[in-house]
Protein backbone atom coordinates (compact mmCIF):
# COMPACT_ATOMS: atom_id res chain seq x y z
CA MET A 1 0.00 0.00 0.00
CA ASN A 2 1.24 3.47 -0.77
CA LYS A 3 3.16 4.48 2.34
CA THR A 4 2.18 8.12 1.85
CA ILE A 5 -1.49 7.22 2.31
CA LYS A 6 -1.33 4.69 5.10
CA LEU A 7 -2.03 7.56 7.48
CA GLY A 8 0.23 6.35 10.24
CA LEU A 9 -2.09 3.58 11.35
CA MET A 10 0.52 0.85 11.73
CA GLY A 11 0.48 -0.55 15.22
CA ILE A 12 -2.96 0.75 16.20
CA ALA A 13 -5.12 -1.88 17.90
CA ALA A 14 -2.57 -4.68 17.51
CA PHE A 15 -1.80 -4.34 13.79
CA TRP A 16 -5.22 -3.27 12.44
CA SER A 17 -7.50 -0.31 12.42
CA PHE A 18 -10.94 0.82 11.31
CA SER A 19 -11.69 3.68 8.95
CA MET A 20 -13.23 5.64 11.80
CA THR A 21 -9.68 6.37 13.00
CA ALA A 22 -8.78 8.13 9.74
CA GLN A 23 -11.20 10.00 7.51
CA GLU A 24 -8.72 11.18 4.89
CA SER A 25 -9.30 9.45 1.55
CA PHE A 26 -6.82 8.29 -1.08
CA THR A 27 -7.03 7.02 -4.65
CA ASN A 28 -5.54 4.44 -7.02
CA LYS A 29 -3.76 6.78 -9.46
CA LYS A 30 -3.23 10.42 -10.26
CA GLY A 31 -6.41 12.05 -11.57
CA SER A 32 -8.70 9.19 -10.54
CA ASP A 33 -12.12 9.83 -9.03
CA TYR A 34 -11.91 6.75 -6.79
CA LYS A 35 -11.94 7.79 -3.15
CA PHE A 36 -10.85 5.07 -0.74
CA THR A 37 -10.82 4.94 3.05
CA THR A 38 -9.09 2.38 5.20
CA VAL A 39 -11.05 -0.38 6.94
CA VAL A 40 -8.21 -2.71 7.96
CA ASP A 41 -4.48 -2.09 7.61
CA LEU A 42 -2.14 -4.87 8.75
CA ASP A 43 1.63 -4.85 9.14
CA GLU A 44 3.80 -6.05 6.29
CA THR A 45 7.40 -5.96 5.05
CA GLU A 46 8.79 -4.10 2.03
CA VAL A 47 7.63 -4.81 -1.52
CA GLN A 48 10.04 -7.04 -3.44
CA ASN A 49 10.58 -7.62 -7.17
CA GLN A 50 10.51 -11.13 -8.64
CA ASN A 51 11.65 -9.57 -11.94
CA ARG A 52 12.07 -12.09 -14.80
CA THR A 53 11.04 -15.17 -12.86
CA GLY A 54 7.89 -17.21 -12.38
CA THR A 55 8.45 -17.42 -8.64
CA CYS A 56 5.59 -15.23 -7.40
CA TRP A 57 4.50 -18.15 -5.21
CA SER A 58 7.71 -17.84 -3.18
CA PHE A 59 7.65 -14.03 -2.93
CA SER A 60 3.98 -13.89 -1.93
CA SER A 61 4.14 -16.78 0.52
CA LEU A 62 7.22 -15.47 2.26
CA SER A 63 5.69 -11.99 2.40
CA PHE A 64 2.71 -13.61 4.13
CA PHE A 65 4.93 -15.47 6.60
CA GLU A 66 6.91 -12.29 7.26
CA SER A 67 3.64 -10.63 8.30
CA GLU A 68 2.93 -13.64 10.47
CA LEU A 69 6.27 -13.10 12.22
CA ILE A 70 5.29 -9.50 12.94
CA ARG A 71 1.88 -10.63 14.19
CA THR A 72 3.42 -13.19 16.54
CA GLY A 73 5.92 -10.72 18.00
CA LYS A 74 9.03 -12.03 16.22
CA GLY A 75 9.73 -8.70 14.54
CA LYS A 76 10.51 -7.86 10.92
CA HIS A 77 12.57 -10.31 8.88
CA ASN A 78 13.37 -10.48 5.17
CA LEU A 79 13.37 -14.19 4.30
CA SER A 80 15.13 -15.68 1.29
CA GLU A 81 12.80 -16.40 -1.62
CA MET A 82 15.57 -18.05 -3.60
CA TYR A 83 16.45 -20.48 -0.82
CA VAL A 84 12.87 -21.74 -1.07
CA VAL A 85 13.03 -21.75 -4.88
CA ARG A 86 16.33 -23.65 -4.89
CA ASN A 87 15.00 -26.49 -2.77
CA ALA A 88 11.62 -26.56 -4.51
CA TYR A 89 13.33 -27.00 -7.90
CA ILE A 90 14.99 -30.14 -6.60
CA GLY A 91 11.64 -31.46 -5.37
CA LYS A 92 10.06 -30.66 -8.74
CA ALA A 93 12.80 -32.55 -10.58
CA GLU A 94 12.34 -35.59 -8.36
CA ASN A 95 8.60 -35.52 -8.93
CA TYR A 96 8.96 -35.01 -12.68
CA LEU A 97 11.17 -38.08 -12.99
CA ARG A 98 8.96 -40.19 -10.73
CA MET A 99 6.18 -39.39 -13.20
CA TYR A 100 8.39 -40.50 -16.13
CA GLY A 101 8.51 -36.99 -17.54
CA THR A 102 4.74 -36.67 -17.92
CA PHE A 103 4.19 -34.16 -15.09
CA ASN A 104 4.71 -30.42 -14.89
CA PHE A 105 8.19 -28.94 -14.51
CA GLY A 106 8.75 -25.22 -14.54
CA GLN A 107 9.17 -22.06 -12.50
CA GLY A 108 5.63 -22.02 -11.13
CA GLY A 109 4.63 -23.27 -7.72
CA ALA A 110 2.03 -23.05 -4.98
CA PHE A 111 1.74 -21.49 -1.53
CA HIS A 112 2.13 -24.82 0.22
CA ASP A 113 5.56 -25.22 -1.38
CA ILE A 114 6.90 -22.99 1.41
CA PRO A 115 5.77 -25.35 4.21
CA TRP A 116 7.06 -28.23 2.03
CA VAL A 117 10.52 -26.62 1.92
CA ILE A 118 10.62 -25.35 5.51
CA GLU A 119 9.66 -28.74 6.93
CA ARG A 120 12.52 -30.40 5.01
CA TYR A 121 15.21 -27.75 4.65
CA GLY A 122 14.39 -24.93 7.07
CA ILE A 123 14.68 -21.30 5.99
CA VAL A 124 17.32 -18.54 5.92
CA PRO A 125 17.32 -14.73 5.81
CA GLU A 126 17.65 -12.93 2.48
CA GLU A 127 21.05 -11.58 3.43
CA VAL A 128 22.38 -15.12 3.77
CA TYR A 129 21.15 -16.47 0.42
CA LYS A 130 20.33 -13.94 -2.31
CA GLY A 131 20.25 -16.42 -5.20
CA LEU A 132 22.14 -14.12 -7.59
CA GLU A 133 25.17 -16.08 -8.72
CA TYR A 134 24.97 -15.18 -12.40
CA GLY A 135 26.28 -11.64 -12.52
CA GLU A 136 23.03 -9.69 -12.39
CA ASP A 137 21.50 -7.44 -9.75
CA ALA A 138 17.90 -8.58 -10.39
CA HIS A 139 16.42 -12.05 -10.64
CA ASN A 140 16.30 -13.56 -14.13
CA HIS A 141 15.69 -17.31 -14.47
CA ASP A 142 15.33 -17.54 -18.24
CA GLU A 143 18.67 -19.23 -18.86
CA MET A 144 18.51 -21.37 -15.73
CA GLU A 145 15.04 -22.63 -16.64
CA ALA A 146 16.22 -23.55 -20.14
CA VAL A 147 19.16 -25.55 -18.78
CA MET A 148 17.13 -27.25 -16.03
CA THR A 149 14.30 -28.18 -18.38
CA ALA A 150 16.69 -29.66 -20.92
CA ALA A 151 18.33 -31.66 -18.16
CA VAL A 152 15.17 -33.20 -16.70
CA LYS A 153 13.79 -34.02 -20.15
CA ALA A 154 17.04 -35.77 -21.05
CA LEU A 155 17.00 -37.65 -17.77
CA ALA A 156 13.39 -38.73 -18.30
CA ALA A 157 14.52 -40.31 -21.59
CA LYS A 158 16.97 -42.49 -19.58
CA PRO A 159 20.05 -42.08 -21.77
CA GLN A 160 21.83 -44.87 -19.84
CA GLY A 161 19.17 -47.42 -20.73
CA ASP A 162 16.36 -48.65 -18.51
CA LYS A 163 17.20 -46.80 -15.30
CA LEU A 164 18.54 -43.57 -13.88
CA THR A 165 22.05 -43.53 -12.44
CA PRO A 166 22.61 -42.45 -8.81
CA ASN A 167 24.36 -39.31 -10.09
CA TRP A 168 21.40 -37.55 -11.72
CA LYS A 169 20.38 -35.62 -8.62
CA LYS A 170 23.90 -34.39 -7.91
CA ALA A 171 24.17 -33.21 -11.51
CA PHE A 172 20.83 -31.39 -11.34
CA GLU A 173 21.71 -29.76 -8.02
CA GLY A 174 24.90 -28.53 -9.68
CA ILE A 175 22.83 -26.59 -12.23
CA VAL A 176 20.66 -24.96 -9.57
CA ASP A 177 23.62 -24.17 -7.34
CA ALA A 178 25.54 -22.63 -10.24
CA TYR A 179 22.79 -20.04 -10.70
CA LEU A 180 21.40 -19.59 -7.19
CA GLY A 181 24.28 -20.48 -4.88
CA GLU A 182 25.74 -23.67 -3.46
CA ILE A 183 24.71 -24.99 -0.07
CA PRO A 184 25.91 -28.13 1.78
CA SER A 185 24.05 -31.36 1.00
CA ASN A 186 23.24 -31.57 4.72
CA VAL A 187 21.51 -28.29 5.54
CA GLU A 188 22.54 -28.60 9.18
CA ASP A 189 26.09 -27.92 7.95
CA PHE A 190 24.93 -24.62 6.42
CA LYS A 191 26.08 -22.30 9.22
CA PHE A 192 25.42 -18.57 9.23
CA THR A 193 25.32 -15.67 11.67
CA TYR A 194 22.25 -13.47 11.83
CA GLN A 195 21.62 -10.67 14.29
CA GLY A 196 24.60 -11.79 16.36
CA LYS A 197 23.60 -15.44 16.68
CA GLU A 198 24.70 -18.55 14.78
CA TYR A 199 22.11 -20.73 13.05
CA ASN A 200 21.60 -23.32 10.40
CA PRO A 201 18.40 -23.28 8.28
CA LYS A 202 16.56 -25.65 10.60
CA THR A 203 17.52 -23.94 13.85
CA PHE A 204 16.60 -20.59 12.32
CA ALA A 205 13.18 -21.94 11.32
CA ASN A 206 12.74 -23.19 14.88
CA GLU A 207 13.73 -19.77 16.22
CA LEU A 208 11.03 -18.12 14.12
CA GLY A 209 8.49 -20.38 15.80
CA LEU A 210 6.00 -20.78 12.95
CA ASN A 211 4.20 -24.12 12.95
CA MET A 212 3.57 -25.06 9.32
CA ASP A 213 0.66 -27.26 10.41
CA ASP A 214 -1.23 -24.11 11.43
CA TYR A 215 -1.61 -22.90 7.85
CA VAL A 216 -4.57 -23.91 5.71
CA SER A 217 -5.27 -23.62 1.99
CA LEU A 218 -8.87 -22.78 1.05
CA THR A 219 -10.71 -22.66 -2.28
CA SER A 220 -14.24 -22.93 -3.69
CA TYR A 221 -15.23 -25.23 -6.57
CA THR A 222 -18.23 -27.49 -7.07
CA HIS A 223 -16.53 -30.41 -8.82
CA HIS A 224 -15.54 -31.61 -5.32
CA GLY A 225 -17.61 -31.79 -2.17
CA PHE A 226 -17.66 -28.84 0.22
CA TYR A 227 -15.94 -28.90 3.63
CA LYS A 228 -13.51 -31.57 2.45
CA PRO A 229 -9.89 -31.36 1.26
CA PHE A 230 -8.95 -32.05 -2.34
CA VAL A 231 -6.00 -31.60 -4.70
CA LEU A 232 -6.61 -28.48 -6.79
CA GLU A 233 -6.04 -29.47 -10.41
CA VAL A 234 -3.62 -26.81 -11.60
CA GLN A 235 -0.24 -27.42 -13.19
CA ASP A 236 1.78 -25.59 -10.57
CA ASN A 237 0.50 -27.84 -7.78
CA TRP A 238 3.42 -30.18 -8.47
CA ALA A 239 3.55 -31.41 -4.87
CA MET A 240 -0.12 -32.46 -5.07
CA ARG A 241 -0.95 -30.90 -1.71
CA THR A 242 -4.58 -30.53 -0.68
CA GLY A 243 -6.74 -27.58 0.27
CA TYR A 244 -10.19 -27.32 1.83
CA ASN A 245 -13.24 -26.60 -0.29
CA LEU A 246 -15.77 -23.99 0.85
CA PRO A 247 -18.94 -22.55 -0.65
CA LEU A 248 -18.09 -19.26 -2.34
CA ASP A 249 -19.89 -17.05 0.17
CA GLU A 250 -17.98 -18.68 3.02
CA LEU A 251 -14.64 -18.33 1.24
CA MET A 252 -15.34 -14.62 0.88
CA GLN A 253 -16.37 -14.48 4.53
CA VAL A 254 -13.01 -15.99 5.53
CA MET A 255 -11.12 -13.52 3.37
CA LYS A 256 -12.79 -10.51 4.98
CA GLU A 257 -13.14 -11.75 8.54
CA SER A 258 -9.56 -13.02 8.78
CA LEU A 259 -8.28 -9.52 7.99
CA LYS A 260 -10.60 -7.97 10.57
CA ALA A 261 -9.27 -10.47 13.10
CA GLY A 262 -5.66 -9.40 12.36
CA TYR A 263 -4.60 -12.15 9.94
CA THR A 264 -3.26 -11.46 6.46
CA PHE A 265 -3.34 -14.20 3.82
CA ALA A 266 -1.59 -15.29 0.63
CA TRP A 267 -3.84 -14.92 -2.40
CA GLY A 268 -3.67 -16.91 -5.64
CA ALA A 269 -5.70 -15.46 -8.51
CA ASP A 270 -6.19 -15.08 -12.24
CA VAL A 271 -4.67 -11.73 -13.26
CA SER A 272 -5.05 -12.10 -17.03
CA GLU A 273 -8.55 -10.57 -17.04
CA LYS A 274 -9.45 -7.26 -18.69
CA GLY A 275 -10.41 -5.88 -15.29
CA PHE A 276 -6.94 -6.44 -13.85
CA SER A 277 -4.62 -3.46 -14.29
CA PHE A 278 -1.61 -3.28 -12.03
CA ARG A 279 -0.57 -0.05 -13.73
CA ASP A 280 -3.89 1.48 -12.67
CA GLY A 281 -3.74 -0.03 -9.19
CA LEU A 282 -7.02 -1.91 -9.59
CA ALA A 283 -8.54 -5.33 -10.20
CA ILE A 284 -12.27 -5.03 -10.92
CA ASN A 285 -15.01 -7.07 -12.58
CA PRO A 286 -17.01 -4.57 -14.67
CA GLU A 287 -20.50 -5.58 -15.67
CA ASP A 288 -19.52 -4.65 -19.23
CA PRO A 289 -15.86 -5.67 -19.78
CA THR A 290 -16.00 -4.60 -23.45
CA THR A 291 -15.45 -1.04 -22.29
CA ILE A 292 -11.84 -1.94 -21.46
CA GLN A 293 -9.24 -1.85 -24.23
CA THR A 294 -5.85 -3.52 -23.95
CA ARG A 295 -2.63 -2.10 -25.36
CA GLY A 296 0.44 -4.29 -25.45
CA SER A 297 0.65 -7.71 -23.86
CA ASP A 298 1.04 -9.39 -20.50
CA GLU A 299 4.70 -10.21 -20.89
CA LYS A 300 5.94 -13.56 -19.69
CA PHE A 301 5.92 -13.55 -15.90
CA PHE A 302 4.67 -9.93 -16.02
CA ASN A 303 8.22 -8.64 -15.79
CA SER A 304 7.01 -5.32 -17.28
CA ALA A 305 3.92 -5.24 -15.05
CA GLY A 306 1.53 -6.45 -17.71
CA ALA A 307 -0.36 -4.81 -20.55
CA GLU A 308 -1.70 -1.27 -20.47
CA LYS A 309 -5.47 -1.18 -19.95
CA ILE A 310 -7.56 1.76 -21.19
CA SER A 311 -10.97 2.39 -19.63
CA ASN A 312 -12.89 4.94 -17.59
CA ALA A 313 -13.59 2.06 -15.19
CA PHE A 314 -10.09 2.59 -13.76
CA MET A 315 -10.77 6.29 -13.23
CA ALA A 316 -14.17 6.18 -11.50
CA PRO A 317 -16.22 3.46 -9.76
CA THR A 318 -18.25 1.40 -12.20
CA LYS A 319 -21.00 -1.17 -11.82
CA GLU A 320 -19.54 -4.62 -11.25
CA LYS A 321 -20.88 -8.13 -11.66
CA MET A 322 -21.08 -10.39 -8.60
CA VAL A 323 -20.77 -13.86 -10.09
CA SER A 324 -22.58 -16.92 -8.77
CA GLN A 325 -20.94 -20.14 -7.63
CA GLU A 326 -22.03 -21.69 -10.93
CA GLU A 327 -20.52 -18.90 -13.05
CA ARG A 328 -17.27 -19.14 -11.13
CA GLN A 329 -17.15 -22.89 -11.71
CA ALA A 330 -17.91 -22.53 -15.42
CA ALA A 331 -14.97 -20.15 -15.83
CA PHE A 332 -12.65 -22.64 -14.11
CA ASP A 333 -13.91 -25.61 -16.14
CA SER A 334 -13.59 -23.75 -19.45
CA GLN A 335 -10.06 -22.65 -18.44
CA GLU A 336 -11.04 -19.00 -18.75
CA THR A 337 -9.96 -18.70 -15.13
CA THR A 338 -6.30 -19.68 -14.93
CA ASP A 339 -3.78 -20.09 -12.13
CA ASP A 340 -1.66 -17.02 -12.87
CA HIS A 341 -0.20 -15.29 -9.89
CA GLY A 342 0.46 -15.41 -6.15
CA MET A 343 0.11 -12.24 -4.03
CA HIS A 344 -0.34 -11.16 -0.42
CA VAL A 345 -3.48 -9.47 0.95
CA THR A 346 -2.75 -7.09 3.82
CA GLY A 347 -5.89 -5.02 4.33
CA LEU A 348 -9.38 -3.87 3.41
CA ILE A 349 -10.60 -0.53 2.05
CA LYS A 350 -13.90 0.91 0.81
CA ASP A 351 -14.64 3.39 -1.97
CA GLN A 352 -17.08 6.31 -1.79
CA ASN A 353 -19.96 3.98 -2.75
CA GLY A 354 -19.25 1.50 0.05
CA THR A 355 -17.70 -1.14 -2.23
CA THR A 356 -15.12 -3.34 -0.51
CA TYR A 357 -11.63 -3.88 -1.93
CA PHE A 358 -8.74 -6.04 -0.76
CA VAL A 359 -5.35 -4.33 -0.40
CA VAL A 360 -2.92 -6.52 -2.35
CA LYS A 361 0.85 -6.47 -1.96
CA ASN A 362 2.46 -7.53 -5.23
CA SER A 363 6.02 -8.62 -6.12
CA TRP A 364 6.60 -6.54 -9.27
CA GLY A 365 8.56 -3.77 -7.60
CA THR A 366 7.30 -0.30 -6.68
CA GLU A 367 7.80 1.73 -9.84
CA HIS A 368 4.99 0.51 -12.10
CA ASN A 369 2.01 2.23 -10.47
CA ASP A 370 1.04 5.03 -8.10
CA CYS A 371 0.40 2.66 -5.18
CA ASP A 372 4.06 1.81 -4.47
CA GLY A 373 3.66 -1.74 -5.78
CA TYR A 374 0.28 -2.48 -4.17
CA PHE A 375 -3.13 -2.55 -5.86
CA TYR A 376 -6.77 -2.83 -4.84
CA ALA A 377 -8.90 -5.85 -5.82
CA SER A 378 -12.67 -5.41 -5.58
CA GLU A 379 -14.77 -7.99 -3.79
CA ALA A 380 -16.45 -8.76 -7.13
CA TYR A 381 -13.08 -9.52 -8.74
CA ALA A 382 -11.91 -11.65 -5.81
CA ARG A 383 -15.18 -13.57 -5.81
CA TYR A 384 -14.75 -14.45 -9.48
CA LYS A 385 -11.00 -14.94 -9.88
CA THR A 386 -9.62 -16.19 -6.56
CA MET A 387 -7.97 -19.58 -7.06
CA ASN A 388 -7.08 -20.20 -3.42
CA ILE A 389 -5.75 -18.58 -0.26
CA LEU A 390 -3.33 -19.63 2.47
CA VAL A 391 -4.25 -18.42 5.94
CA HIS A 392 -3.56 -19.23 9.58
CA LYS A 393 -6.27 -21.54 10.84
CA ASP A 394 -7.11 -19.11 13.66
CA GLY A 395 -8.05 -16.51 11.07
CA ILE A 396 -10.95 -18.72 9.97
CA PRO A 397 -14.27 -17.94 11.71
CA LYS A 398 -15.09 -20.55 14.34
CA GLU A 399 -18.27 -21.81 12.69
CA ILE A 400 -16.41 -22.46 9.42
CA LYS A 401 -13.48 -24.12 11.18
CA LYS A 402 -15.98 -26.47 12.82
CA LYS A 403 -17.49 -27.40 9.46
CA LEU A 404 -14.01 -28.17 8.14
CA GLY A 405 -13.08 -30.21 11.20
CA ILE A 406 -10.11 -27.96 11.96
CA LYS A 407 -9.13 -27.59 15.62
């Protein structure tokens, strides 16, 4: 969120605040007629830039866990996205080969990849592992992805005959380490000093005190039963982890009530819609999307912050469509709704008409819009295009937790 318009509310009422404490309004871009006021504003760390990578899942998830550390009194920490990415790539390669080369391999991932990595390999601060071993100041995984993909495809073809040799994993790790940075094969031997104390990745994870079992993935689709876990069928869910299925109204209830209770959440959504414009600081679901024109393209991994969108809908509130559960499902089944991007929701705001928007922290840097790298997603957009969220179980309203069987 634009730090010049946060109105100094950080820290009020244990990380959140109501709009009654600040009446000054703000907008999404220069010259816009949108007038927003704050409803909930939760603590977060600085906006990062994933640059030319498809690793939004790591940036958004770690941003979420960094807010969790603030919420639990552990202070501000900048955790290493590339340490997570490095270890996840190895897991993806193992999974790809177990599936005989018929499964997904690529830069994408899911929120639950972070618990998957932390449980196995721990975590480290950004200053300890930057993942920039290839002579650039900003992340760019184009070459690394090309080399890794060629390697796993060649391995899946079993060039030695009818089996893989024991050396394949060491060879693959060598590729990842060459680009991101070498670490010992036993992570407990990876020693580092942080804030005057010595750790390894596992002891540092223990020091942070986050229990990965406390975090729950939620979604809403009708091709599986409600209140039960299922594996969301998207390519980037390479680890085949499950999430709980809720009716759409209850998913939206969790998203709003968790914020009001002081819990941020990681947000996975389709951002390839006409109503999504990071440059304009908005994601909306206009009743008539034909009024929006697109100039340019959504570059691979959105490294240039996506296409330019031209519409009065980004300059003044417009009538939006609140989709039904059935319309949401139809968009998923037809693959109109796609698993595009992971982000971090840190607050709630309302416009002058009383419409609710989620405050979304992105990972495309701060220079591409007037909101310092944040944007505002309307409730109508979130209702239609949310793929899933990751939230602390205590952020879920009690009656919904009971239906899910979560204690």
